[in-house]
Amino acid sequence: TIRSQQTQRESLQRDYIYLLQTTLSSEYGRLFGGTKHRDRLKELLAECRKRDPSLPSFESMDGSGLYIDPYGFKHEKNNQNDCLQYICVKLAHFYDSKAHSTDESSWRSLIKLYQNSSTVSKTLKYLVRQGIPDHLRTEIWHIFIQKQTSHIRKEKGALYYQNLCHLLPNSDLNSKFEKQIALDLHRTMPANIRFA
């Protein structure tokens, strides 16, 4: 059927990307066939960017050698092989996530079960580890946080967090914590433009 052919095609594309990655990461990192593989990679990237615009474009990789991902992290590429390798990594991740993704209704039904249950199912854990779809990420993390902090809200009251936020600016600990957070952010995420 058409669906199985499409799945097989994406599997072959993923395998091709893995093969390119292996070749590029070898000692010589040379692709034979002139620009054929670079052009094919460019086509695959353009096709995938239609479904996920957050993927880097070939144009953004040429020239400066610097790419900033949607989360604000800088990725420096020193030569064409580094750029091709980086694009292969991004495409492999894209194809892997497509291979493991489920439709939105499956996510919603599992979340609904989670909200009404006291435990987390193995299926939900597996799906979260495979990656939450971007368009559901905010909603799902909100549900997880609400579920994990429900006992605190029951014990301390619904406005406990807001009260803590109002206390902090007047606290002596505020400057100490702000300084430590700033140090930690810069130390742990030096390549992020939002914290550098």
N, C-alpha and C. Protein backbone atom coordinates (compact mmCIF):
# COMPACT_ATOMS: atom_id res chain seq x y z
N THR A 1 0.84 -1.19 0.00
CA THR A 1 0.00 0.00 0.00
C THR A 1 0.88 1.25 0.00
N ILE A 2 0.24 2.38 -0.18
CA ILE A 2 0.98 3.65 -0.26
C ILE A 2 1.67 3.97 1.06
N ARG A 3 0.98 3.72 2.16
CA ARG A 3 1.54 4.02 3.49
C ARG A 3 2.81 3.20 3.74
N SER A 4 2.77 1.91 3.40
CA SER A 4 3.95 1.06 3.63
C SER A 4 5.10 1.45 2.69
N GLN A 5 4.77 1.87 1.46
CA GLN A 5 5.82 2.34 0.54
C GLN A 5 6.47 3.62 1.06
N GLN A 6 5.65 4.50 1.62
CA GLN A 6 6.19 5.74 2.17
C GLN A 6 7.09 5.44 3.37
N THR A 7 6.67 4.52 4.22
CA THR A 7 7.47 4.13 5.38
C THR A 7 8.79 3.51 4.93
N GLN A 8 8.73 2.65 3.90
CA GLN A 8 9.94 2.02 3.37
C GLN A 8 10.87 3.08 2.76
N ARG A 9 10.30 4.04 2.06
CA ARG A 9 11.10 5.12 1.45
C ARG A 9 11.82 5.91 2.54
N GLU A 10 11.11 6.27 3.61
CA GLU A 10 11.74 7.03 4.70
C GLU A 10 12.81 6.20 5.39
N SER A 11 12.59 4.89 5.48
CA SER A 11 13.60 4.01 6.07
C SER A 11 14.86 3.99 5.21
N LEU A 12 14.69 3.93 3.90
CA LEU A 12 15.85 3.96 2.99
C LEU A 12 16.56 5.31 3.06
N GLN A 13 15.80 6.39 3.16
CA GLN A 13 16.42 7.71 3.30
C GLN A 13 17.23 7.80 4.59
N ARG A 14 16.68 7.26 5.66
CA ARG A 14 17.38 7.27 6.95
C ARG A 14 18.67 6.45 6.84
N ASP A 15 18.59 5.28 6.22
CA ASP A 15 19.78 4.45 6.05
C ASP A 15 20.84 5.16 5.19
N TYR A 16 20.40 5.87 4.16
CA TYR A 16 21.32 6.64 3.32
C TYR A 16 22.03 7.71 4.15
N ILE A 17 21.27 8.38 5.01
CA ILE A 17 21.85 9.41 5.88
C ILE A 17 22.87 8.78 6.82
N TYR A 18 22.55 7.62 7.40
CA TYR A 18 23.49 6.93 8.29
C TYR A 18 24.78 6.58 7.54
N LEU A 19 24.64 6.12 6.31
CA LEU A 19 25.80 5.77 5.49
C LEU A 19 26.67 7.00 5.21
N LEU A 20 26.02 8.12 4.88
CA LEU A 20 26.77 9.36 4.66
C LEU A 20 27.50 9.78 5.93
N GLN A 21 26.81 9.69 7.06
CA GLN A 21 27.44 10.04 8.35
C GLN A 21 28.69 9.22 8.58
N THR A 22 28.59 7.92 8.34
CA THR A 22 29.72 7.03 8.54
C THR A 22 30.89 7.43 7.64
N THR A 23 30.59 7.72 6.39
CA THR A 23 31.63 8.12 5.45
C THR A 23 32.27 9.44 5.86
N LEU A 24 31.45 10.41 6.25
CA LEU A 24 31.97 11.73 6.62
C LEU A 24 32.78 11.69 7.91
N SER A 25 32.45 10.75 8.80
CA SER A 25 33.17 10.69 10.07
C SER A 25 34.42 9.82 9.99
N SER A 26 34.66 9.21 8.82
CA SER A 26 35.87 8.40 8.67
C SER A 26 37.10 9.31 8.62
N GLU A 27 38.26 8.70 8.61
CA GLU A 27 39.52 9.44 8.67
C GLU A 27 39.65 10.45 7.53
N TYR A 28 39.24 10.06 6.32
CA TYR A 28 39.40 10.94 5.17
C TYR A 28 38.16 11.80 4.93
N GLY A 29 36.99 11.30 5.30
CA GLY A 29 35.76 12.06 5.19
C GLY A 29 35.47 12.58 3.80
N ARG A 30 35.78 11.78 2.78
CA ARG A 30 35.61 12.24 1.40
C ARG A 30 34.47 11.48 0.75
N LEU A 31 33.57 12.23 0.11
CA LEU A 31 32.46 11.62 -0.61
C LEU A 31 32.83 11.51 -2.09
N PHE A 32 32.72 10.32 -2.65
CA PHE A 32 32.99 10.13 -4.07
C PHE A 32 31.73 10.44 -4.86
N GLY A 33 31.91 10.79 -6.12
CA GLY A 33 30.76 11.09 -6.96
C GLY A 33 30.55 12.58 -7.17
N GLY A 34 31.58 13.37 -6.92
CA GLY A 34 31.45 14.81 -7.11
C GLY A 34 30.46 15.42 -6.13
N THR A 35 29.57 16.23 -6.67
CA THR A 35 28.59 16.91 -5.80
C THR A 35 27.28 16.13 -5.70
N LYS A 36 27.26 14.92 -6.25
CA LYS A 36 26.02 14.13 -6.28
C LYS A 36 25.42 13.95 -4.88
N HIS A 37 26.24 13.56 -3.91
CA HIS A 37 25.72 13.29 -2.57
C HIS A 37 25.34 14.58 -1.85
N ARG A 38 26.13 15.63 -2.07
CA ARG A 38 25.79 16.92 -1.47
C ARG A 38 24.45 17.41 -2.02
N ASP A 39 24.24 17.27 -3.34
CA ASP A 39 22.98 17.69 -3.95
C ASP A 39 21.81 16.85 -3.45
N ARG A 40 22.04 15.54 -3.31
CA ARG A 40 20.98 14.67 -2.80
C ARG A 40 20.64 15.02 -1.35
N LEU A 41 21.67 15.31 -0.57
CA LEU A 41 21.46 15.72 0.82
C LEU A 41 20.67 17.02 0.87
N LYS A 42 20.98 17.92 -0.04
CA LYS A 42 20.28 19.20 -0.13
C LYS A 42 18.79 18.97 -0.43
N GLU A 43 18.50 18.04 -1.36
CA GLU A 43 17.11 17.71 -1.70
C GLU A 43 16.38 17.11 -0.50
N LEU A 44 17.03 16.16 0.18
CA LEU A 44 16.41 15.54 1.35
C LEU A 44 16.14 16.58 2.44
N LEU A 45 17.08 17.47 2.64
CA LEU A 45 16.91 18.51 3.65
C LEU A 45 15.74 19.43 3.30
N ALA A 46 15.65 19.83 2.03
CA ALA A 46 14.55 20.70 1.60
C ALA A 46 13.20 20.01 1.81
N GLU A 47 13.15 18.73 1.50
CA GLU A 47 11.92 17.95 1.69
C GLU A 47 11.54 17.87 3.18
N CYS A 48 12.52 17.62 4.03
CA CYS A 48 12.26 17.50 5.47
C CYS A 48 11.92 18.84 6.09
N ARG A 49 12.50 19.92 5.57
CA ARG A 49 12.20 21.26 6.10
C ARG A 49 10.75 21.66 5.85
N LYS A 50 10.11 21.06 4.85
CA LYS A 50 8.69 21.34 4.61
C LYS A 50 7.86 20.84 5.79
N ARG A 51 8.31 19.74 6.40
CA ARG A 51 7.60 19.18 7.55
C ARG A 51 8.13 19.71 8.88
N ASP A 52 9.39 20.14 8.89
CA ASP A 52 9.98 20.68 10.12
C ASP A 52 10.88 21.87 9.77
N PRO A 53 10.30 23.08 9.76
CA PRO A 53 11.07 24.27 9.38
C PRO A 53 12.21 24.61 10.35
N SER A 54 12.24 23.98 11.53
CA SER A 54 13.32 24.27 12.48
C SER A 54 14.64 23.62 12.07
N LEU A 55 14.61 22.72 11.10
CA LEU A 55 15.85 22.12 10.61
C LEU A 55 16.69 23.21 9.94
N PRO A 56 18.02 23.11 10.02
CA PRO A 56 18.85 24.14 9.38
C PRO A 56 18.70 24.07 7.87
N SER A 57 18.81 25.19 7.22
CA SER A 57 18.81 25.19 5.76
C SER A 57 20.26 25.11 5.28
N PHE A 58 20.44 24.68 4.05
CA PHE A 58 21.79 24.61 3.50
C PHE A 58 22.40 26.00 3.44
N GLU A 59 21.56 26.98 3.13
CA GLU A 59 22.03 28.36 3.02
C GLU A 59 22.54 28.87 4.37
N SER A 60 21.86 28.48 5.46
CA SER A 60 22.29 28.94 6.78
C SER A 60 23.61 28.30 7.20
N MET A 61 23.97 27.20 6.57
CA MET A 61 25.21 26.50 6.91
C MET A 61 26.39 27.00 6.08
N ASP A 62 26.10 27.56 4.91
CA ASP A 62 27.18 28.06 4.05
C ASP A 62 27.63 29.42 4.55
N GLY A 63 28.87 29.75 4.29
CA GLY A 63 29.35 31.09 4.63
C GLY A 63 29.97 31.16 6.00
N SER A 64 29.22 31.66 6.97
CA SER A 64 29.79 31.96 8.29
C SER A 64 30.23 30.72 9.06
N GLY A 65 29.64 29.57 8.75
CA GLY A 65 29.98 28.36 9.49
C GLY A 65 29.34 28.30 10.85
N LEU A 66 28.36 29.17 11.09
CA LEU A 66 27.69 29.21 12.39
C LEU A 66 26.20 29.01 12.17
N TYR A 67 25.63 28.11 12.94
CA TYR A 67 24.19 27.89 12.88
C TYR A 67 23.64 28.00 14.29
N ILE A 68 22.53 28.70 14.45
CA ILE A 68 21.86 28.82 15.75
C ILE A 68 20.56 28.05 15.66
N ASP A 69 20.42 27.02 16.51
CA ASP A 69 19.22 26.18 16.45
C ASP A 69 18.03 26.89 17.11
N PRO A 70 16.83 26.31 17.00
CA PRO A 70 15.64 26.97 17.55
C PRO A 70 15.69 27.20 19.06
N TYR A 71 16.57 26.50 19.76
CA TYR A 71 16.65 26.65 21.21
C TYR A 71 17.73 27.66 21.63
N GLY A 72 18.41 28.26 20.64
CA GLY A 72 19.39 29.29 20.94
C GLY A 72 20.82 28.80 21.06
N PHE A 73 21.09 27.54 20.74
CA PHE A 73 22.45 27.02 20.84
C PHE A 73 23.22 27.27 19.55
N LYS A 74 24.47 27.72 19.69
CA LYS A 74 25.33 27.97 18.53
C LYS A 74 26.06 26.69 18.16
N HIS A 75 26.11 26.43 16.86
CA HIS A 75 26.85 25.28 16.34
C HIS A 75 27.83 25.81 15.29
N GLU A 76 29.12 25.67 15.56
CA GLU A 76 30.13 26.16 14.62
C GLU A 76 30.59 25.02 13.72
N LYS A 77 30.68 25.32 12.45
CA LYS A 77 31.13 24.34 11.47
C LYS A 77 32.36 24.91 10.77
N ASN A 78 33.46 24.20 10.83
CA ASN A 78 34.74 24.71 10.33
C ASN A 78 34.95 24.49 8.84
N ASN A 79 34.31 23.46 8.27
CA ASN A 79 34.50 23.19 6.85
C ASN A 79 33.25 22.53 6.29
N GLN A 80 33.26 22.25 5.00
CA GLN A 80 32.08 21.68 4.36
C GLN A 80 31.73 20.31 4.94
N ASN A 81 32.73 19.49 5.25
CA ASN A 81 32.44 18.18 5.82
C ASN A 81 31.74 18.31 7.17
N ASP A 82 32.17 19.27 7.99
CA ASP A 82 31.50 19.50 9.27
C ASP A 82 30.05 19.90 9.05
N CYS A 83 29.81 20.75 8.06
CA CYS A 83 28.44 21.18 7.75
C CYS A 83 27.60 20.00 7.30
N LEU A 84 28.15 19.19 6.39
CA LEU A 84 27.42 18.02 5.89
C LEU A 84 27.15 17.03 7.02
N GLN A 85 28.15 16.83 7.87
CA GLN A 85 28.00 15.92 9.01
C GLN A 85 26.88 16.42 9.93
N TYR A 86 26.87 17.72 10.20
CA TYR A 86 25.85 18.30 11.07
C TYR A 86 24.45 18.13 10.46
N ILE A 87 24.34 18.37 9.17
CA ILE A 87 23.05 18.20 8.50
C ILE A 87 22.62 16.74 8.55
N CYS A 88 23.56 15.82 8.36
CA CYS A 88 23.25 14.39 8.47
C CYS A 88 22.72 14.04 9.86
N VAL A 89 23.35 14.59 10.89
CA VAL A 89 22.90 14.33 12.27
C VAL A 89 21.47 14.83 12.45
N LYS A 90 21.20 16.04 11.97
CA LYS A 90 19.86 16.62 12.12
C LYS A 90 18.82 15.81 11.34
N LEU A 91 19.17 15.39 10.12
CA LEU A 91 18.24 14.59 9.32
C LEU A 91 18.03 13.21 9.94
N ALA A 92 19.09 12.60 10.45
CA ALA A 92 18.94 11.29 11.10
C ALA A 92 17.99 11.41 12.29
N HIS A 93 18.15 12.47 13.07
CA HIS A 93 17.25 12.70 14.20
C HIS A 93 15.82 12.89 13.71
N PHE A 94 15.64 13.64 12.63
CA PHE A 94 14.31 13.87 12.07
C PHE A 94 13.68 12.54 11.64
N TYR A 95 14.43 11.73 10.88
CA TYR A 95 13.90 10.45 10.42
C TYR A 95 13.62 9.50 11.58
N ASP A 96 14.51 9.50 12.58
CA ASP A 96 14.28 8.65 13.75
C ASP A 96 13.01 9.06 14.48
N SER A 97 12.81 10.35 14.64
CA SER A 97 11.62 10.81 15.35
C SER A 97 10.37 10.50 14.54
N LYS A 98 10.46 10.56 13.21
CA LYS A 98 9.32 10.19 12.37
C LYS A 98 9.03 8.70 12.52
N ALA A 99 10.08 7.90 12.61
CA ALA A 99 9.90 6.45 12.72
C ALA A 99 9.26 6.07 14.04
N HIS A 100 9.52 6.85 15.09
CA HIS A 100 9.00 6.52 16.41
C HIS A 100 7.78 7.34 16.82
N SER A 101 7.38 8.25 15.95
CA SER A 101 6.28 9.14 16.36
C SER A 101 4.94 8.42 16.27
N THR A 102 4.05 8.89 17.07
CA THR A 102 2.68 8.40 17.03
C THR A 102 1.80 9.59 16.77
N ASP A 103 0.58 9.31 16.40
CA ASP A 103 -0.29 10.43 16.09
C ASP A 103 -0.77 11.13 17.36
N GLU A 104 -1.31 12.30 17.17
CA GLU A 104 -1.70 13.16 18.29
C GLU A 104 -2.76 12.50 19.16
N SER A 105 -3.67 11.75 18.57
CA SER A 105 -4.73 11.12 19.37
C SER A 105 -4.16 10.10 20.35
N SER A 106 -3.10 9.40 19.96
CA SER A 106 -2.46 8.45 20.88
C SER A 106 -1.86 9.19 22.07
N TRP A 107 -1.17 10.30 21.79
CA TRP A 107 -0.59 11.10 22.87
C TRP A 107 -1.69 11.59 23.80
N ARG A 108 -2.75 12.12 23.22
CA ARG A 108 -3.83 12.69 24.04
C ARG A 108 -4.51 11.62 24.90
N SER A 109 -4.72 10.43 24.34
CA SER A 109 -5.36 9.38 25.14
C SER A 109 -4.45 8.91 26.27
N LEU A 110 -3.14 8.82 26.02
CA LEU A 110 -2.21 8.42 27.08
C LEU A 110 -2.12 9.49 28.17
N ILE A 111 -2.15 10.75 27.78
CA ILE A 111 -2.11 11.84 28.76
C ILE A 111 -3.38 11.83 29.60
N LYS A 112 -4.50 11.58 28.95
CA LYS A 112 -5.77 11.53 29.70
C LYS A 112 -5.72 10.39 30.72
N LEU A 113 -5.18 9.24 30.32
CA LEU A 113 -5.03 8.12 31.26
C LEU A 113 -4.10 8.51 32.40
N TYR A 114 -3.01 9.21 32.08
CA TYR A 114 -2.04 9.63 33.09
C TYR A 114 -2.67 10.58 34.09
N GLN A 115 -3.49 11.51 33.62
CA GLN A 115 -4.13 12.47 34.51
C GLN A 115 -5.07 11.78 35.51
N ASN A 116 -5.67 10.69 35.10
CA ASN A 116 -6.62 9.99 35.96
C ASN A 116 -6.01 8.82 36.72
N SER A 117 -4.70 8.65 36.62
CA SER A 117 -4.02 7.52 37.24
C SER A 117 -3.01 8.01 38.27
N SER A 118 -2.62 7.11 39.14
CA SER A 118 -1.60 7.46 40.13
C SER A 118 -0.20 7.04 39.67
N THR A 119 -0.11 6.31 38.58
CA THR A 119 1.19 5.85 38.07
C THR A 119 1.36 6.26 36.60
N VAL A 120 2.59 6.17 36.14
CA VAL A 120 2.90 6.47 34.75
C VAL A 120 3.06 5.15 34.00
N SER A 121 2.36 5.01 32.89
CA SER A 121 2.44 3.76 32.14
C SER A 121 3.79 3.64 31.43
N LYS A 122 4.19 2.40 31.16
CA LYS A 122 5.44 2.16 30.44
C LYS A 122 5.38 2.75 29.04
N THR A 123 4.20 2.71 28.43
CA THR A 123 4.04 3.27 27.09
C THR A 123 4.30 4.76 27.09
N LEU A 124 3.76 5.47 28.07
CA LEU A 124 3.96 6.92 28.15
C LEU A 124 5.44 7.24 28.40
N LYS A 125 6.08 6.48 29.29
CA LYS A 125 7.52 6.69 29.53
C LYS A 125 8.31 6.50 28.25
N TYR A 126 7.98 5.45 27.51
CA TYR A 126 8.67 5.16 26.25
C TYR A 126 8.49 6.32 25.27
N LEU A 127 7.25 6.79 25.12
CA LEU A 127 6.98 7.87 24.18
C LEU A 127 7.72 9.15 24.57
N VAL A 128 7.75 9.47 25.86
CA VAL A 128 8.45 10.67 26.31
C VAL A 128 9.93 10.55 26.01
N ARG A 129 10.49 9.37 26.22
CA ARG A 129 11.92 9.17 25.93
C ARG A 129 12.22 9.27 24.44
N GLN A 130 11.24 8.91 23.61
CA GLN A 130 11.42 9.03 22.16
C GLN A 130 11.32 10.47 21.69
N GLY A 131 10.69 11.30 22.51
CA GLY A 131 10.57 12.72 22.17
C GLY A 131 9.12 13.15 22.06
N ILE A 132 8.79 14.19 22.79
CA ILE A 132 7.45 14.74 22.73
C ILE A 132 7.37 15.63 21.49
N PRO A 133 6.33 15.47 20.67
CA PRO A 133 6.20 16.34 19.49
C PRO A 133 6.20 17.81 19.91
N ASP A 134 6.87 18.64 19.13
CA ASP A 134 7.02 20.05 19.48
C ASP A 134 5.68 20.73 19.75
N HIS A 135 4.68 20.44 18.92
CA HIS A 135 3.41 21.14 19.07
C HIS A 135 2.64 20.71 20.32
N LEU A 136 3.04 19.61 20.96
CA LEU A 136 2.39 19.16 22.20
C LEU A 136 3.25 19.37 23.44
N ARG A 137 4.51 19.76 23.24
CA ARG A 137 5.47 19.81 24.34
C ARG A 137 5.01 20.70 25.50
N THR A 138 4.58 21.92 25.22
CA THR A 138 4.16 22.85 26.29
C THR A 138 3.01 22.26 27.10
N GLU A 139 2.03 21.77 26.39
CA GLU A 139 0.84 21.21 27.05
C GLU A 139 1.19 19.99 27.90
N ILE A 140 2.00 19.10 27.36
CA ILE A 140 2.33 17.86 28.08
C ILE A 140 3.19 18.15 29.30
N TRP A 141 4.20 19.02 29.18
CA TRP A 141 5.02 19.35 30.35
C TRP A 141 4.20 20.06 31.41
N HIS A 142 3.26 20.88 31.00
CA HIS A 142 2.38 21.55 31.97
C HIS A 142 1.59 20.50 32.77
N ILE A 143 1.07 19.51 32.07
CA ILE A 143 0.31 18.44 32.74
C ILE A 143 1.22 17.66 33.70
N PHE A 144 2.44 17.32 33.25
CA PHE A 144 3.37 16.60 34.13
C PHE A 144 3.69 17.40 35.39
N ILE A 145 3.97 18.68 35.22
CA ILE A 145 4.32 19.53 36.37
C ILE A 145 3.13 19.66 37.32
N GLN A 146 1.94 19.87 36.77
CA GLN A 146 0.75 19.98 37.61
C GLN A 146 0.54 18.69 38.41
N LYS A 147 0.74 17.57 37.75
CA LYS A 147 0.54 16.27 38.42
C LYS A 147 1.59 16.07 39.53
N GLN A 148 2.85 16.42 39.24
CA GLN A 148 3.93 16.22 40.21
C GLN A 148 3.84 17.16 41.40
N THR A 149 3.24 18.33 41.22
CA THR A 149 3.18 19.32 42.30
C THR A 149 1.81 19.41 42.95
N SER A 150 0.91 18.53 42.58
CA SER A 150 -0.46 18.60 43.12
C SER A 150 -0.48 18.45 44.64
N HIS A 151 0.36 17.59 45.20
CA HIS A 151 0.39 17.42 46.66
C HIS A 151 0.86 18.69 47.37
N ILE A 152 1.77 19.43 46.76
CA ILE A 152 2.24 20.69 47.35
C ILE A 152 1.13 21.73 47.32
N ARG A 153 0.41 21.79 46.20
CA ARG A 153 -0.69 22.75 46.10
C ARG A 153 -1.79 22.43 47.10
N LYS A 154 -2.04 21.14 47.33
CA LYS A 154 -3.06 20.76 48.32
C LYS A 154 -2.61 21.15 49.73
N GLU A 155 -1.33 20.91 50.01
CA GLU A 155 -0.80 21.18 51.35
C GLU A 155 -0.61 22.68 51.62
N LYS A 156 -0.06 23.40 50.66
CA LYS A 156 0.31 24.81 50.86
C LYS A 156 -0.70 25.80 50.31
N GLY A 157 -1.61 25.35 49.48
CA GLY A 157 -2.60 26.25 48.87
C GLY A 157 -2.28 26.50 47.41
N ALA A 158 -3.30 26.88 46.66
CA ALA A 158 -3.17 27.05 45.21
C ALA A 158 -2.24 28.20 44.83
N LEU A 159 -2.11 29.20 45.68
CA LEU A 159 -1.29 30.38 45.36
C LEU A 159 0.10 30.33 45.98
N TYR A 160 0.53 29.18 46.43
CA TYR A 160 1.83 29.05 47.10
C TYR A 160 2.98 29.54 46.21
N TYR A 161 3.01 29.12 44.97
CA TYR A 161 4.09 29.52 44.06
C TYR A 161 4.10 31.04 43.86
N GLN A 162 2.94 31.64 43.63
CA GLN A 162 2.86 33.09 43.44
C GLN A 162 3.34 33.82 44.69
N ASN A 163 2.98 33.32 45.87
CA ASN A 163 3.44 33.94 47.12
C ASN A 163 4.96 33.87 47.24
N LEU A 164 5.54 32.75 46.88
CA LEU A 164 7.01 32.62 46.91
C LEU A 164 7.66 33.62 45.94
N CYS A 165 7.07 33.78 44.78
CA CYS A 165 7.61 34.73 43.79
C CYS A 165 7.57 36.16 44.32
N HIS A 166 6.54 36.51 45.08
CA HIS A 166 6.42 37.87 45.63
C HIS A 166 7.39 38.08 46.79
N LEU A 167 7.71 37.02 47.51
CA LEU A 167 8.64 37.14 48.63
C LEU A 167 10.09 37.30 48.16
N LEU A 168 10.43 36.68 47.07
CA LEU A 168 11.82 36.63 46.63
C LEU A 168 12.46 37.99 46.37
N PRO A 169 11.82 38.94 45.68
CA PRO A 169 12.51 40.22 45.44
C PRO A 169 12.91 40.95 46.72
N ASN A 170 12.20 40.73 47.81
CA ASN A 170 12.51 41.40 49.07
C ASN A 170 13.46 40.59 49.96
N SER A 171 13.84 39.43 49.50
CA SER A 171 14.66 38.53 50.32
C SER A 171 16.15 38.82 50.13
N ASP A 172 16.92 38.61 51.21
CA ASP A 172 18.38 38.75 51.14
C ASP A 172 19.00 37.66 50.27
N LEU A 173 18.29 36.54 50.17
CA LEU A 173 18.81 35.43 49.38
C LEU A 173 18.72 35.69 47.88
N ASN A 174 17.89 36.65 47.49
CA ASN A 174 17.65 36.91 46.08
C ASN A 174 18.93 37.15 45.30
N SER A 175 19.78 38.07 45.76
CA SER A 175 20.99 38.39 45.00
C SER A 175 21.94 37.19 44.96
N LYS A 176 21.99 36.44 46.05
CA LYS A 176 22.85 35.25 46.10
C LYS A 176 22.39 34.23 45.05
N PHE A 177 21.07 33.97 45.02
CA PHE A 177 20.54 32.99 44.07
C PHE A 177 20.66 33.48 42.63
N GLU A 178 20.39 34.76 42.40
CA GLU A 178 20.51 35.31 41.05
C GLU A 178 21.93 35.16 40.53
N LYS A 179 22.90 35.46 41.38
CA LYS A 179 24.30 35.36 40.98
C LYS A 179 24.66 33.91 40.65
N GLN A 180 24.22 32.97 41.50
CA GLN A 180 24.53 31.56 41.28
C GLN A 180 23.86 31.04 40.02
N ILE A 181 22.61 31.44 39.79
CA ILE A 181 21.91 31.01 38.58
C ILE A 181 22.62 31.53 37.34
N ALA A 182 23.01 32.81 37.37
CA ALA A 182 23.73 33.40 36.23
C ALA A 182 25.03 32.65 35.97
N LEU A 183 25.76 32.32 37.03
CA LEU A 183 27.01 31.56 36.87
C LEU A 183 26.74 30.18 36.28
N ASP A 184 25.73 29.49 36.82
CA ASP A 184 25.41 28.14 36.35
C ASP A 184 24.95 28.13 34.90
N LEU A 185 24.11 29.10 34.52
CA LEU A 185 23.64 29.15 33.14
C LEU A 185 24.80 29.35 32.18
N HIS A 186 25.67 30.28 32.51
CA HIS A 186 26.80 30.55 31.61
C HIS A 186 27.77 29.36 31.57
N ARG A 187 27.96 28.72 32.71
CA ARG A 187 28.89 27.58 32.78
C ARG A 187 28.34 26.36 32.05
N THR A 188 27.05 26.08 32.21
CA THR A 188 26.48 24.86 31.63
C THR A 188 25.98 25.05 30.21
N MET A 189 25.71 26.29 29.81
CA MET A 189 25.22 26.53 28.45
C MET A 189 25.96 27.71 27.80
N PRO A 190 27.28 27.61 27.67
CA PRO A 190 28.03 28.75 27.11
C PRO A 190 27.72 29.00 25.63
N ALA A 191 27.22 27.99 24.94
CA ALA A 191 26.94 28.15 23.51
C ALA A 191 25.51 28.62 23.23
N ASN A 192 24.78 28.99 24.28
CA ASN A 192 23.40 29.44 24.07
C ASN A 192 23.36 30.95 24.06
N ILE A 193 22.80 31.52 23.00
CA ILE A 193 22.79 32.98 22.86
C ILE A 193 21.90 33.66 23.89
N ARG A 194 20.97 32.93 24.47
CA ARG A 194 20.06 33.53 25.46
C ARG A 194 20.71 33.67 26.83
N PHE A 195 21.80 32.94 27.08
CA PHE A 195 22.43 32.97 28.40
C PHE A 195 23.90 33.38 28.35
N ALA A 196 24.46 33.58 27.18
CA ALA A 196 25.88 33.91 27.06
C ALA A 196 26.13 35.38 27.36
